[in-house]
Amino acid sequence: SGVSAKLPDLRDAVLPGADIDAGKGDARTDSDDEE
């Protein structure tokens, strides 16, 4: 669902990726609002 890349526990761990679902974006935010 993407990754919250700015969190301190993940800082410097997350590369720019891809949002295949939306067709744009680097998936460095987490879209999982349901859970």
PDB file of all heavy atoms in Angstrom:
ATOM      1  N   SER A   1       0.806  -1.219   0.000  1.00  0.00           N
ATOM      2  CA  SER A   1       0.000   0.000   0.000  1.00  0.00           C
ATOM      3  C   SER A   1       0.837   1.265   0.000  1.00  0.00           C
ATOM      4  O   SER A   1       0.311   2.357   0.197  1.00  0.00           O
ATOM      5  CB  SER A   1      -0.914   0.005   1.235  1.00  0.00           C
ATOM      6  OG  SER A   1      -0.158  -0.060   2.433  1.00  0.00           O
ATOM      7  N   GLY A   2       2.139   1.127  -0.230  1.00  0.00           N
ATOM      8  CA  GLY A   2       3.042   2.253  -0.095  1.00  0.00           C
ATOM      9  C   GLY A   2       3.646   2.268   1.298  1.00  0.00           C
ATOM     10  O   GLY A   2       3.279   1.471   2.165  1.00  0.00           O
ATOM     11  N   VAL A   3       4.575   3.171   1.548  1.00  0.00           N
ATOM     12  CA  VAL A   3       5.296   3.237   2.817  1.00  0.00           C
ATOM     13  C   VAL A   3       5.410   4.689   3.259  1.00  0.00           C
ATOM     14  O   VAL A   3       5.743   5.567   2.450  1.00  0.00           O
ATOM     15  CB  VAL A   3       6.707   2.622   2.687  1.00  0.00           C
ATOM     16  CG1 VAL A   3       7.493   2.773   3.985  1.00  0.00           C
ATOM     17  CG2 VAL A   3       6.638   1.146   2.286  1.00  0.00           C
ATOM     18  N   SER A   4       5.151   4.940   4.535  1.00  0.00           N
ATOM     19  CA  SER A   4       5.333   6.285   5.091  1.00  0.00           C
ATOM     20  C   SER A   4       6.826   6.535   5.284  1.00  0.00           C
ATOM     21  O   SER A   4       7.396   6.290   6.351  1.00  0.00           O
ATOM     22  CB  SER A   4       4.594   6.415   6.422  1.00  0.00           C
ATOM     23  OG  SER A   4       3.199   6.318   6.243  1.00  0.00           O
ATOM     24  N   ALA A   5       7.447   7.048   4.249  1.00  0.00           N
ATOM     25  CA  ALA A   5       8.912   7.117   4.211  1.00  0.00           C
ATOM     26  C   ALA A   5       9.499   8.149   5.161  1.00  0.00           C
ATOM     27  O   ALA A   5      10.683   8.063   5.504  1.00  0.00           O
ATOM     28  CB  ALA A   5       9.360   7.427   2.781  1.00  0.00           C
ATOM     29  N   LYS A   6       8.714   9.129   5.601  1.00  0.00           N
ATOM     30  CA  LYS A   6       9.247  10.194   6.438  1.00  0.00           C
ATOM     31  C   LYS A   6       9.274   9.852   7.923  1.00  0.00           C
ATOM     32  O   LYS A   6       9.787  10.634   8.725  1.00  0.00           O
ATOM     33  CB  LYS A   6       8.436  11.480   6.218  1.00  0.00           C
ATOM     34  CG  LYS A   6       8.605  12.065   4.820  1.00  0.00           C
ATOM     35  CD  LYS A   6       7.832  13.368   4.671  1.00  0.00           C
ATOM     36  CE  LYS A   6       8.018  13.957   3.277  1.00  0.00           C
ATOM     37  NZ  LYS A   6       7.276  15.228   3.106  1.00  0.00           N
ATOM     38  N   LEU A   7       8.747   8.710   8.297  1.00  0.00           N
ATOM     39  CA  LEU A   7       8.760   8.327   9.708  1.00  0.00           C
ATOM     40  C   LEU A   7      10.201   8.139  10.198  1.00  0.00           C
ATOM     41  O   LEU A   7      11.043   7.610   9.459  1.00  0.00           O
ATOM     42  CB  LEU A   7       7.982   7.030   9.918  1.00  0.00           C
ATOM     43  CG  LEU A   7       6.483   7.079   9.635  1.00  0.00           C
ATOM     44  CD1 LEU A   7       5.869   5.694   9.812  1.00  0.00           C
ATOM     45  CD2 LEU A   7       5.789   8.087  10.539  1.00  0.00           C
ATOM     46  N   PRO A   8      10.493   8.543  11.422  1.00  0.00           N
ATOM     47  CA  PRO A   8      11.867   8.388  11.932  1.00  0.00           C
ATOM     48  C   PRO A   8      12.397   6.955  11.849  1.00  0.00           C
ATOM     49  O   PRO A   8      13.565   6.750  11.521  1.00  0.00           O
ATOM     50  CB  PRO A   8      11.742   8.848  13.388  1.00  0.00           C
ATOM     51  CG  PRO A   8      10.610   9.813  13.373  1.00  0.00           C
ATOM     52  CD  PRO A   8       9.634   9.268  12.369  1.00  0.00           C
ATOM     53  N   ASP A   9      11.559   5.973  12.116  1.00  0.00           N
ATOM     54  CA  ASP A   9      12.017   4.590  12.083  1.00  0.00           C
ATOM     55  C   ASP A   9      12.374   4.115  10.684  1.00  0.00           C
ATOM     56  O   ASP A   9      13.031   3.079  10.530  1.00  0.00           O
ATOM     57  CB  ASP A   9      10.948   3.655  12.665  1.00  0.00           C
ATOM     58  CG  ASP A   9      10.881   3.712  14.180  1.00  0.00           C
ATOM     59  OD1 ASP A   9      11.951   3.689  14.808  1.00  0.00           O
ATOM     60  OD2 ASP A   9       9.771   3.779  14.723  1.00  0.00           O
ATOM     61  N   LEU A  10      11.929   4.848   9.660  1.00  0.00           N
ATOM     62  CA  LEU A  10      12.198   4.447   8.280  1.00  0.00           C
ATOM     63  C   LEU A  10      13.008   5.479   7.501  1.00  0.00           C
ATOM     64  O   LEU A  10      13.216   5.324   6.306  1.00  0.00           O
ATOM     65  CB  LEU A  10      10.875   4.175   7.548  1.00  0.00           C
ATOM     66  CG  LEU A  10      10.139   2.920   8.015  1.00  0.00           C
ATOM     67  CD1 LEU A  10       8.737   2.867   7.414  1.00  0.00           C
ATOM     68  CD2 LEU A  10      10.920   1.667   7.640  1.00  0.00           C
ATOM     69  N   ARG A  11      13.460   6.502   8.189  1.00  0.00           N
ATOM     70  CA  ARG A  11      14.209   7.545   7.513  1.00  0.00           C
ATOM     71  C   ARG A  11      15.472   6.969   6.889  1.00  0.00           C
ATOM     72  O   ARG A  11      16.197   6.188   7.508  1.00  0.00           O
ATOM     73  CB  ARG A  11      14.570   8.654   8.504  1.00  0.00           C
ATOM     74  CG  ARG A  11      15.115   9.913   7.849  1.00  0.00           C
ATOM     75  CD  ARG A  11      15.192  11.045   8.855  1.00  0.00           C
ATOM     76  NE  ARG A  11      13.855  11.421   9.329  1.00  0.00           N
ATOM     77  CZ  ARG A  11      13.577  11.708  10.606  1.00  0.00           C
ATOM     78  NH1 ARG A  11      14.520  11.612  11.522  1.00  0.00           N
ATOM     79  NH2 ARG A  11      12.360  12.078  10.952  1.00  0.00           N
ATOM     80  N   ASP A  12      15.697   7.296   5.642  1.00  0.00           N
ATOM     81  CA  ASP A  12      16.847   6.826   4.857  1.00  0.00           C
ATOM     82  C   ASP A  12      16.738   5.355   4.453  1.00  0.00           C
ATOM     83  O   ASP A  12      17.670   4.814   3.851  1.00  0.00           O
ATOM     84  CB  ASP A  12      18.170   7.032   5.605  1.00  0.00           C
ATOM     85  CG  ASP A  12      18.423   8.497   5.950  1.00  0.00           C
ATOM     86  OD1 ASP A  12      18.066   9.354   5.119  1.00  0.00           O
ATOM     87  OD2 ASP A  12      18.966   8.774   7.031  1.00  0.00           O
ATOM     88  N   ALA A  13      15.627   4.716   4.754  1.00  0.00           N
ATOM     89  CA  ALA A  13      15.473   3.310   4.384  1.00  0.00           C
ATOM     90  C   ALA A  13      14.674   3.128   3.101  1.00  0.00           C
ATOM     91  O   ALA A  13      14.762   2.069   2.475  1.00  0.00           O
ATOM     92  CB  ALA A  13      14.774   2.542   5.515  1.00  0.00           C
ATOM     93  N   VAL A  14      13.889   4.133   2.704  1.00  0.00           N
ATOM     94  CA  VAL A  14      12.905   3.963   1.638  1.00  0.00           C
ATOM     95  C   VAL A  14      13.309   4.739   0.383  1.00  0.00           C
ATOM     96  O   VAL A  14      13.459   5.961   0.407  1.00  0.00           O
ATOM     97  CB  VAL A  14      11.504   4.408   2.106  1.00  0.00           C
ATOM     98  CG1 VAL A  14      10.473   4.099   1.034  1.00  0.00           C
ATOM     99  CG2 VAL A  14      11.132   3.736   3.423  1.00  0.00           C
ATOM    100  N   LEU A  15      13.463   4.020  -0.704  1.00  0.00           N
ATOM    101  CA  LEU A  15      13.801   4.614  -1.991  1.00  0.00           C
ATOM    102  C   LEU A  15      12.546   5.133  -2.695  1.00  0.00           C
ATOM    103  O   LEU A  15      11.428   4.692  -2.376  1.00  0.00           O
ATOM    104  CB  LEU A  15      14.471   3.570  -2.881  1.00  0.00           C
ATOM    105  CG  LEU A  15      15.745   2.917  -2.345  1.00  0.00           C
ATOM    106  CD1 LEU A  15      16.119   1.727  -3.226  1.00  0.00           C
ATOM    107  CD2 LEU A  15      16.876   3.926  -2.270  1.00  0.00           C
ATOM    108  N   PRO A  16      12.670   6.012  -3.663  1.00  0.00           N
ATOM    109  CA  PRO A  16      11.512   6.360  -4.490  1.00  0.00           C
ATOM    110  C   PRO A  16      11.063   5.129  -5.276  1.00  0.00           C
ATOM    111  O   PRO A  16      11.882   4.430  -5.879  1.00  0.00           O
ATOM    112  CB  PRO A  16      12.065   7.434  -5.440  1.00  0.00           C
ATOM    113  CG  PRO A  16      13.288   7.954  -4.765  1.00  0.00           C
ATOM    114  CD  PRO A  16      13.868   6.793  -4.019  1.00  0.00           C
ATOM    115  N   GLY A  17       9.769   4.854  -5.226  1.00  0.00           N
ATOM    116  CA  GLY A  17       9.233   3.693  -5.914  1.00  0.00           C
ATOM    117  C   GLY A  17       8.238   4.074  -6.985  1.00  0.00           C
ATOM    118  O   GLY A  17       8.473   5.007  -7.752  1.00  0.00           O
ATOM    119  N   ALA A  18       7.122   3.349  -7.016  1.00  0.00           N
ATOM    120  CA  ALA A  18       6.123   3.598  -8.060  1.00  0.00           C
ATOM    121  C   ALA A  18       4.737   3.268  -7.543  1.00  0.00           C
ATOM    122  O   ALA A  18       4.551   2.318  -6.770  1.00  0.00           O
ATOM    123  CB  ALA A  18       6.425   2.761  -9.301  1.00  0.00           C
ATOM    124  N   ASP A  19       3.769   4.049  -7.984  1.00  0.00           N
ATOM    125  CA  ASP A  19       2.360   3.779  -7.704  1.00  0.00           C
ATOM    126  C   ASP A  19       1.758   3.167  -8.966  1.00  0.00           C
ATOM    127  O   ASP A  19       1.339   3.878  -9.878  1.00  0.00           O
ATOM    128  CB  ASP A  19       1.642   5.065  -7.317  1.00  0.00           C
ATOM    129  CG  ASP A  19       0.224   4.821  -6.811  1.00  0.00           C
ATOM    130  OD1 ASP A  19      -0.354   3.781  -7.188  1.00  0.00           O
ATOM    131  OD2 ASP A  19      -0.285   5.657  -6.049  1.00  0.00           O
ATOM    132  N   ILE A  20       1.751   1.843  -9.026  1.00  0.00           N
ATOM    133  CA  ILE A  20       1.218   1.145 -10.199  1.00  0.00           C
ATOM    134  C   ILE A  20      -0.290   1.351 -10.286  1.00  0.00           C
ATOM    135  O   ILE A  20      -0.853   1.479 -11.378  1.00  0.00           O
ATOM    136  CB  ILE A  20       1.540  -0.361 -10.131  1.00  0.00           C
ATOM    137  CG1 ILE A  20       3.056  -0.590 -10.002  1.00  0.00           C
ATOM    138  CG2 ILE A  20       0.981  -1.100 -11.339  1.00  0.00           C
ATOM    139  CD1 ILE A  20       3.871  -0.122 -11.158  1.00  0.00           C
ATOM    140  N   ASP A  21      -0.958   1.399  -9.143  1.00  0.00           N
ATOM    141  CA  ASP A  21      -2.413   1.542  -9.137  1.00  0.00           C
ATOM    142  C   ASP A  21      -2.858   2.859  -9.764  1.00  0.00           C
ATOM    143  O   ASP A  21      -3.759   2.893 -10.598  1.00  0.00           O
ATOM    144  CB  ASP A  21      -2.955   1.456  -7.704  1.00  0.00           C
ATOM    145  CG  ASP A  21      -2.799   0.078  -7.090  1.00  0.00           C
ATOM    146  OD1 ASP A  21      -2.616  -0.886  -7.851  1.00  0.00           O
ATOM    147  OD2 ASP A  21      -2.848  -0.029  -5.853  1.00  0.00           O
ATOM    148  N   ALA A  22      -2.221   3.956  -9.345  1.00  0.00           N
ATOM    149  CA  ALA A  22      -2.635   5.278  -9.819  1.00  0.00           C
ATOM    150  C   ALA A  22      -1.936   5.679 -11.109  1.00  0.00           C
ATOM    151  O   ALA A  22      -2.399   6.579 -11.808  1.00  0.00           O
ATOM    152  CB  ALA A  22      -2.367   6.316  -8.739  1.00  0.00           C
ATOM    153  N   GLY A  23      -0.820   5.044 -11.401  1.00  0.00           N
ATOM    154  CA  GLY A  23      -0.079   5.393 -12.608  1.00  0.00           C
ATOM    155  C   GLY A  23       0.847   6.578 -12.433  1.00  0.00           C
ATOM    156  O   GLY A  23       1.486   7.024 -13.394  1.00  0.00           O
ATOM    157  N   LYS A  24       0.945   7.108 -11.235  1.00  0.00           N
ATOM    158  CA  LYS A  24       1.866   8.216 -10.963  1.00  0.00           C
ATOM    159  C   LYS A  24       2.158   8.242  -9.463  1.00  0.00           C
ATOM    160  O   LYS A  24       1.397   7.708  -8.651  1.00  0.00           O
ATOM    161  CB  LYS A  24       1.266   9.547 -11.399  1.00  0.00           C
ATOM    162  CG  LYS A  24      -0.034   9.901 -10.691  1.00  0.00           C
ATOM    163  CD  LYS A  24      -0.575  11.241 -11.190  1.00  0.00           C
ATOM    164  CE  LYS A  24      -1.884  11.589 -10.480  1.00  0.00           C
ATOM    165  NZ  LYS A  24      -2.424  12.879 -10.943  1.00  0.00           N
ATOM    166  N   GLY A  25       3.282   8.840  -9.100  1.00  0.00           N
ATOM    167  CA  GLY A  25       3.678   8.899  -7.702  1.00  0.00           C
ATOM    168  C   GLY A  25       4.759   7.880  -7.392  1.00  0.00           C
ATOM    169  O   GLY A  25       4.987   6.927  -8.142  1.00  0.00           O
ATOM    170  N   ASP A  26       5.456   8.079  -6.254  1.00  0.00           N
ATOM    171  CA  ASP A  26       6.589   7.221  -5.915  1.00  0.00           C
ATOM    172  C   ASP A  26       6.311   6.288  -4.745  1.00  0.00           C
ATOM    173  O   ASP A  26       7.221   5.604  -4.269  1.00  0.00           O
ATOM    174  CB  ASP A  26       7.839   8.054  -5.633  1.00  0.00           C
ATOM    175  CG  ASP A  26       7.707   8.949  -4.391  1.00  0.00           C
ATOM    176  OD1 ASP A  26       6.698   8.835  -3.667  1.00  0.00           O
ATOM    177  OD2 ASP A  26       8.635   9.748  -4.149  1.00  0.00           O
ATOM    178  N   ALA A  27       5.069   6.215  -4.277  1.00  0.00           N
ATOM    179  CA  ALA A  27       4.621   5.275  -3.238  1.00  0.00           C
ATOM    180  C   ALA A  27       5.310   5.484  -1.899  1.00  0.00           C
ATOM    181  O   ALA A  27       5.315   4.581  -1.056  1.00  0.00           O
ATOM    182  CB  ALA A  27       4.799   3.823  -3.702  1.00  0.00           C
ATOM    183  N   ARG A  28       5.859   6.691  -1.668  1.00  0.00           N
ATOM    184  CA  ARG A  28       6.477   6.948  -0.360  1.00  0.00           C
ATOM    185  C   ARG A  28       5.503   7.590   0.620  1.00  0.00           C
ATOM    186  O   ARG A  28       5.893   8.299   1.544  1.00  0.00           O
ATOM    187  CB  ARG A  28       7.743   7.777  -0.529  1.00  0.00           C
ATOM    188  CG  ARG A  28       8.864   6.943  -1.139  1.00  0.00           C
ATOM    189  CD  ARG A  28      10.231   7.581  -0.971  1.00  0.00           C
ATOM    190  NE  ARG A  28      10.381   8.748  -1.827  1.00  0.00           N
ATOM    191  CZ  ARG A  28      11.487   9.495  -1.872  1.00  0.00           C
ATOM    192  NH1 ARG A  28      12.523   9.183  -1.108  1.00  0.00           N
ATOM    193  NH2 ARG A  28      11.556  10.526  -2.678  1.00  0.00           N
ATOM    194  N   THR A  29       4.241   7.320   0.407  1.00  0.00           N
ATOM    195  CA  THR A  29       3.190   7.543   1.399  1.00  0.00           C
ATOM    196  C   THR A  29       2.367   6.265   1.439  1.00  0.00           C
ATOM    197  O   THR A  29       2.383   5.481   0.489  1.00  0.00           O
ATOM    198  CB  THR A  29       2.287   8.741   1.039  1.00  0.00           C
ATOM    199  OG1 THR A  29       1.688   8.493  -0.243  1.00  0.00           O
ATOM    200  CG2 THR A  29       3.085  10.032   1.016  1.00  0.00           C
ATOM    201  N   ASP A  30       1.658   6.056   2.523  1.00  0.00           N
ATOM    202  CA  ASP A  30       0.890   4.823   2.696  1.00  0.00           C
ATOM    203  C   ASP A  30      -0.589   5.111   2.482  1.00  0.00           C
ATOM    204  O   ASP A  30      -1.192   5.914   3.202  1.00  0.00           O
ATOM    205  CB  ASP A  30       1.124   4.261   4.106  1.00  0.00           C
ATOM    206  CG  ASP A  30       0.714   2.807   4.234  1.00  0.00           C
ATOM    207  OD1 ASP A  30      -0.314   2.426   3.638  1.00  0.00           O
ATOM    208  OD2 ASP A  30       1.407   2.050   4.930  1.00  0.00           O
ATOM    209  N   SER A  31      -1.192   4.448   1.501  1.00  0.00           N
ATOM    210  CA  SER A  31      -2.595   4.695   1.153  1.00  0.00           C
ATOM    211  C   SER A  31      -3.568   3.854   1.950  1.00  0.00           C
ATOM    212  O   SER A  31      -4.773   3.945   1.751  1.00  0.00           O
ATOM    213  CB  SER A  31      -2.813   4.405  -0.341  1.00  0.00           C
ATOM    214  OG  SER A  31      -2.613   3.023  -0.617  1.00  0.00           O
ATOM    215  N   ASP A  32      -3.069   3.030   2.846  1.00  0.00           N
ATOM    216  CA  ASP A  32      -3.933   2.107   3.572  1.00  0.00           C
ATOM    217  C   ASP A  32      -4.653   2.819   4.714  1.00  0.00           C
ATOM    218  O   ASP A  32      -4.286   2.700   5.878  1.00  0.00           O
ATOM    219  CB  ASP A  32      -3.104   0.939   4.115  1.00  0.00           C
ATOM    220  CG  ASP A  32      -3.955  -0.098   4.834  1.00  0.00           C
ATOM    221  OD1 ASP A  32      -5.182  -0.082   4.630  1.00  0.00           O
ATOM    222  OD2 ASP A  32      -3.396  -0.902   5.585  1.00  0.00           O
ATOM    223  N   ASP A  33      -5.702   3.575   4.368  1.00  0.00           N
ATOM    224  CA  ASP A  33      -6.468   4.259   5.405  1.00  0.00           C
ATOM    225  C   ASP A  33      -7.458   3.344   6.090  1.00  0.00           C
ATOM    226  O   ASP A  33      -7.932   3.619   7.187  1.00  0.00           O
ATOM    227  CB  ASP A  33      -7.187   5.481   4.820  1.00  0.00           C
ATOM    228  CG  ASP A  33      -8.064   5.131   3.620  1.00  0.00           C
ATOM    229  OD1 ASP A  33      -8.108   3.948   3.227  1.00  0.00           O
ATOM    230  OD2 ASP A  33      -8.696   6.053   3.084  1.00  0.00           O
ATOM    231  N   GLU A  34      -7.776   2.210   5.448  1.00  0.00           N
ATOM    232  CA  GLU A  34      -8.745   1.289   6.051  1.00  0.00           C
ATOM    233  C   GLU A  34      -8.206   0.653   7.320  1.00  0.00           C
ATOM    234  O   GLU A  34      -8.901   0.489   8.301  1.00  0.00           O
ATOM    235  CB  GLU A  34      -9.114   0.197   5.040  1.00  0.00           C
ATOM    236  CG  GLU A  34     -10.174  -0.768   5.546  1.00  0.00           C
ATOM    237  CD  GLU A  34     -10.532  -1.822   4.512  1.00  0.00           C
ATOM    238  OE1 GLU A  34     -10.209  -1.635   3.325  1.00  0.00           O
ATOM    239  OE2 GLU A  34     -11.141  -2.819   4.910  1.00  0.00           O
ATOM    240  N   GLU A  35      -6.922   0.265   7.293  1.00  0.00           N
ATOM    241  CA  GLU A  35      -6.335  -0.396   8.458  1.00  0.00           C
ATOM    242  C   GLU A  35      -5.046   0.281   8.915  1.00  0.00           C
ATOM    243  O   GLU A  35      -4.283  -0.273   9.686  1.00  0.00           O
ATOM    244  CB  GLU A  35      -6.072  -1.877   8.151  1.00  0.00           C
ATOM    245  CG  GLU A  35      -7.331  -2.685   7.904  1.00  0.00           C
ATOM    246  CD  GLU A  35      -8.188  -2.888   9.144  1.00  0.00           C
ATOM    247  OE1 GLU A  35      -7.739  -2.520  10.249  1.00  0.00           O
ATOM    248  OE2 GLU A  35      -9.302  -3.402   8.994  1.00  0.00           O
TER     249      GLU A  35
END
